[in-house]
Amino acid sequence: ISVTISTSTFFDGLLVTGLYTSTSVQASQSVGGSSAFGFGIMSDHQFGNQFMCSVVASHVSHLPTTNLSFVWIAPPAGTGCVNFMATATHRGQVIFKDALAQQLCEQGAPTEAPLHPHLAEMHSDSIILRDDFDSYHQQELNPSMWSECSNCEIGEQCGVIMHGRAITFCEPYGPRELVSALQV
C-alpha cells in the first residue's frame, strides 16, 4: 500500500509507527520471528500486554518538507484496525508527538474508535518506550510514575511546546533530575 503523509507545516524528521491489537497467534509467531513492514524487514515487538508496535517509516533530512511517501505492508489477516501514530520534528523542536495520523481497518472488521493507548508502563516486564506526560490530566507529574523532579517544570515556562505536555529543565546550573517512582 502506498501511503503519503502531508502536514500543514514543514518537518525535517518524521517517525511513523503502526499500533494494533495483537492476537494470541500473532504474539506467538512474533517471538523470534520477523515480518516485512515499511522499509525492509523489521521485527514486531510486544508492546505491553496487548499492543503490537512496528516502525512503519522514519525520515530525517536537512531539507524540510511537508509530506512523505512510503510503501507499507499490512499485518496478517485478523489484525483488525491499525493506528498510524506520527511524531515530527523541525530543527530539533517537536511539532507533534504520537498524533493519530490515520486509522486503517481491514475489510469486514468493525471500525474501532480511534485510540491513544496508555503508552508507558512502570516496573513491569516491558520497557518504557515513550515519555508519558499527557495521560495524567493534572498540572503536575503523575505520582505513580514519577517521584521527584529537580529544577524541572511541566509546561511552557522555559519555552514553547508545540504538542502535548512535556517536562522542561529551565535552570542552567545545579542538579536537573527526573526520578521514576519506586515500586513498593
Protein backbone atom coordinates (compact mmCIF):
# COMPACT_ATOMS: atom_id res chain seq x y z
CA ILE A 1 0.00 0.00 0.00
CA SER A 2 1.41 3.40 -0.96
CA VAL A 3 0.97 5.91 1.88
CA THR A 4 1.55 9.68 1.82
CA ILE A 5 1.54 11.77 4.98
CA SER A 6 1.08 15.52 4.50
CA THR A 7 1.27 18.28 7.10
CA SER A 8 0.48 21.98 7.07
CA THR A 9 3.93 22.84 8.40
CA PHE A 10 7.49 21.85 7.49
CA PHE A 11 9.30 18.97 9.19
CA ASP A 12 12.81 17.56 8.83
CA GLY A 13 12.25 14.44 10.94
CA LEU A 14 9.28 12.06 10.94
CA LEU A 15 8.67 8.73 12.68
CA VAL A 16 5.53 6.74 11.90
CA THR A 17 4.60 3.67 13.93
CA GLY A 18 1.80 1.21 13.32
CA LEU A 19 -0.04 0.29 16.51
CA TYR A 20 -2.56 -2.53 16.59
CA THR A 21 -4.01 -5.08 18.97
CA SER A 22 -2.20 -8.38 18.84
CA THR A 23 -3.91 -11.76 18.77
CA SER A 24 -2.50 -14.76 20.62
CA VAL A 25 -1.48 -16.29 17.27
CA GLN A 26 0.42 -13.15 16.22
CA ALA A 27 2.09 -12.84 19.62
CA SER A 28 3.37 -16.43 19.47
CA GLN A 29 4.57 -16.00 15.87
CA SER A 30 6.40 -12.75 16.56
CA VAL A 31 8.72 -14.17 19.22
CA GLY A 32 11.96 -14.74 17.35
CA GLY A 33 10.26 -14.15 14.01
CA SER A 34 10.04 -11.17 11.76
CA SER A 35 7.61 -9.61 9.34
CA ALA A 36 8.05 -7.20 6.46
CA PHE A 37 6.96 -3.67 7.34
CA GLY A 38 7.78 -0.38 5.70
CA PHE A 39 11.36 -0.19 4.52
CA GLY A 40 12.81 -3.71 4.65
CA ILE A 41 12.50 -6.30 7.38
CA MET A 42 11.66 -5.21 10.90
CA SER A 43 10.65 -7.31 13.87
CA ASP A 44 7.40 -6.74 15.69
CA HIS A 45 7.94 -6.08 19.38
CA GLN A 46 5.39 -6.98 22.03
CA PHE A 47 4.16 -3.68 23.45
CA GLY A 48 2.80 -4.08 26.95
CA ASN A 49 0.34 -6.93 27.13
CA GLN A 50 -1.90 -6.29 24.14
CA PHE A 51 -0.37 -3.97 21.54
CA MET A 52 2.00 -4.65 18.67
CA CYS A 53 4.13 -1.76 17.51
CA SER A 54 6.20 -1.62 14.35
CA VAL A 55 8.22 1.17 12.80
CA VAL A 56 6.44 1.87 9.54
CA ALA A 57 8.64 4.71 8.28
CA SER A 58 11.34 7.02 9.52
CA HIS A 59 12.70 10.06 7.75
CA VAL A 60 15.46 12.55 8.54
CA SER A 61 16.62 15.21 6.09
CA HIS A 62 18.48 18.52 6.02
CA LEU A 63 15.80 19.84 3.65
CA PRO A 64 12.44 20.44 5.38
CA THR A 65 9.35 19.08 3.64
CA THR A 66 5.59 18.92 4.22
CA ASN A 67 4.96 15.36 3.02
CA LEU A 68 6.47 11.90 2.97
CA SER A 69 5.51 8.88 0.87
CA PHE A 70 6.39 5.28 1.64
CA VAL A 71 5.24 1.72 0.96
CA TRP A 72 3.55 -0.14 3.81
CA ILE A 73 2.88 -3.87 4.02
CA ALA A 74 -0.22 -4.69 6.07
CA PRO A 75 -0.04 -7.11 9.02
CA PRO A 76 -1.65 -10.57 8.79
CA ALA A 77 -5.40 -11.02 8.31
CA GLY A 78 -7.37 -10.86 11.53
CA THR A 79 -5.45 -7.91 12.92
CA GLY A 80 -8.40 -5.54 12.61
CA CYS A 81 -7.53 -1.84 12.69
CA VAL A 82 -4.05 -0.32 12.55
CA ASN A 83 -3.47 3.14 14.03
CA PHE A 84 -0.67 5.13 12.43
CA MET A 85 0.93 7.31 15.10
CA ALA A 86 3.24 10.08 13.86
CA THR A 87 5.92 12.18 15.54
CA ALA A 88 7.50 15.06 13.60
CA THR A 89 10.35 17.46 14.33
CA HIS A 90 11.74 20.59 12.73
CA ARG A 91 15.21 21.83 13.70
CA GLY A 92 15.10 19.84 16.92
CA GLN A 93 11.67 21.13 18.03
CA VAL A 94 8.86 18.58 18.34
CA ILE A 95 5.99 19.68 16.09
CA PHE A 96 3.65 16.87 17.10
CA LYS A 97 4.16 13.69 19.10
CA ASP A 98 2.24 10.41 18.79
CA ALA A 99 -0.51 12.10 16.79
CA LEU A 100 -3.05 9.75 15.23
CA ALA A 101 -2.34 10.28 11.53
CA GLN A 102 -4.65 7.60 10.12
CA GLN A 103 -6.59 4.51 11.09
CA LEU A 104 -6.93 1.68 8.56
CA CYS A 105 -9.26 -1.26 9.18
CA GLU A 106 -9.31 -4.47 7.21
CA GLN A 107 -12.40 -5.13 5.14
CA GLY A 108 -15.24 -6.54 7.22
CA ALA A 109 -13.65 -5.57 10.53
CA PRO A 110 -15.66 -3.26 12.77
CA THR A 111 -14.19 0.24 12.82
CA GLU A 112 -12.77 0.94 16.24
CA ALA A 113 -12.89 4.30 17.92
CA PRO A 114 -9.50 5.94 17.34
CA LEU A 115 -7.40 5.20 20.36
CA HIS A 116 -4.47 6.80 22.05
CA PRO A 117 -3.48 4.00 24.41
CA HIS A 118 -1.63 4.31 27.66
CA LEU A 119 1.92 4.04 26.29
CA ALA A 120 4.01 3.97 29.46
CA GLU A 121 4.45 1.20 32.00
CA MET A 122 6.44 1.28 35.20
CA HIS A 123 8.03 -1.70 36.96
CA SER A 124 6.82 -4.34 34.55
CA ASP A 125 8.50 -6.82 32.24
CA SER A 126 8.14 -4.28 29.46
CA ILE A 127 10.26 -1.24 28.66
CA ILE A 128 9.22 2.39 28.84
CA LEU A 129 9.26 3.28 25.15
CA ARG A 130 7.95 6.83 25.39
CA ASP A 131 7.96 9.58 27.94
CA ASP A 132 4.37 9.98 29.06
CA PHE A 133 3.33 13.34 30.47
CA ASP A 134 -0.01 13.53 28.62
CA SER A 135 -2.07 10.78 30.25
CA TYR A 136 -2.13 12.34 33.75
CA HIS A 137 -4.55 15.25 33.47
CA GLN A 138 -3.40 17.30 36.46
CA GLN A 139 -0.88 20.12 36.05
CA GLU A 140 1.76 18.06 37.83
CA LEU A 141 3.69 14.84 37.43
CA ASN A 142 1.84 11.56 37.81
CA PRO A 143 2.93 10.46 41.32
CA SER A 144 2.51 6.78 40.42
CA MET A 145 5.21 7.19 37.73
CA TRP A 146 7.49 10.00 38.95
CA SER A 147 8.75 10.61 42.48
CA GLU A 148 10.96 13.65 42.04
CA CYS A 149 11.61 16.49 39.64
CA SER A 150 14.54 18.80 40.40
CA ASN A 151 14.66 22.12 38.52
CA CYS A 152 12.07 21.00 36.01
CA GLU A 153 8.54 22.05 35.11
CA ILE A 154 5.62 20.66 33.14
CA GLY A 155 4.57 23.20 30.56
CA GLU A 156 5.86 26.23 28.73
CA GLN A 157 7.70 28.09 31.50
CA CYS A 158 11.02 27.63 29.64
CA GLY A 159 9.84 27.89 26.03
CA VAL A 160 7.11 26.97 23.60
CA ILE A 161 5.95 23.35 23.42
CA MET A 162 4.34 22.60 20.08
CA HIS A 163 2.33 19.49 21.01
CA GLY A 164 1.16 17.80 24.19
CA ARG A 165 2.74 18.18 27.58
CA ALA A 166 6.45 17.94 28.27
CA ILE A 167 8.98 18.29 31.06
CA THR A 168 11.41 21.16 30.60
CA PHE A 169 14.59 21.78 32.55
CA CYS A 170 14.81 25.55 33.00
CA GLU A 171 17.69 26.03 35.42
CA PRO A 172 21.10 26.08 33.67
CA TYR A 173 23.01 25.41 36.93
CA GLY A 174 22.66 22.81 39.65
CA PRO A 175 21.11 19.36 39.57
CA ARG A 176 18.44 18.59 36.98
CA GLU A 177 16.75 15.27 37.62
CA LEU A 178 13.56 13.40 36.85
CA VAL A 179 13.26 10.29 39.03
CA SER A 180 10.83 7.44 38.45
CA ALA A 181 8.65 6.23 41.31
CA LEU A 182 9.87 3.23 43.27
CA GLN A 183 7.75 0.13 43.40
CA VAL A 184 6.87 -0.87 46.96
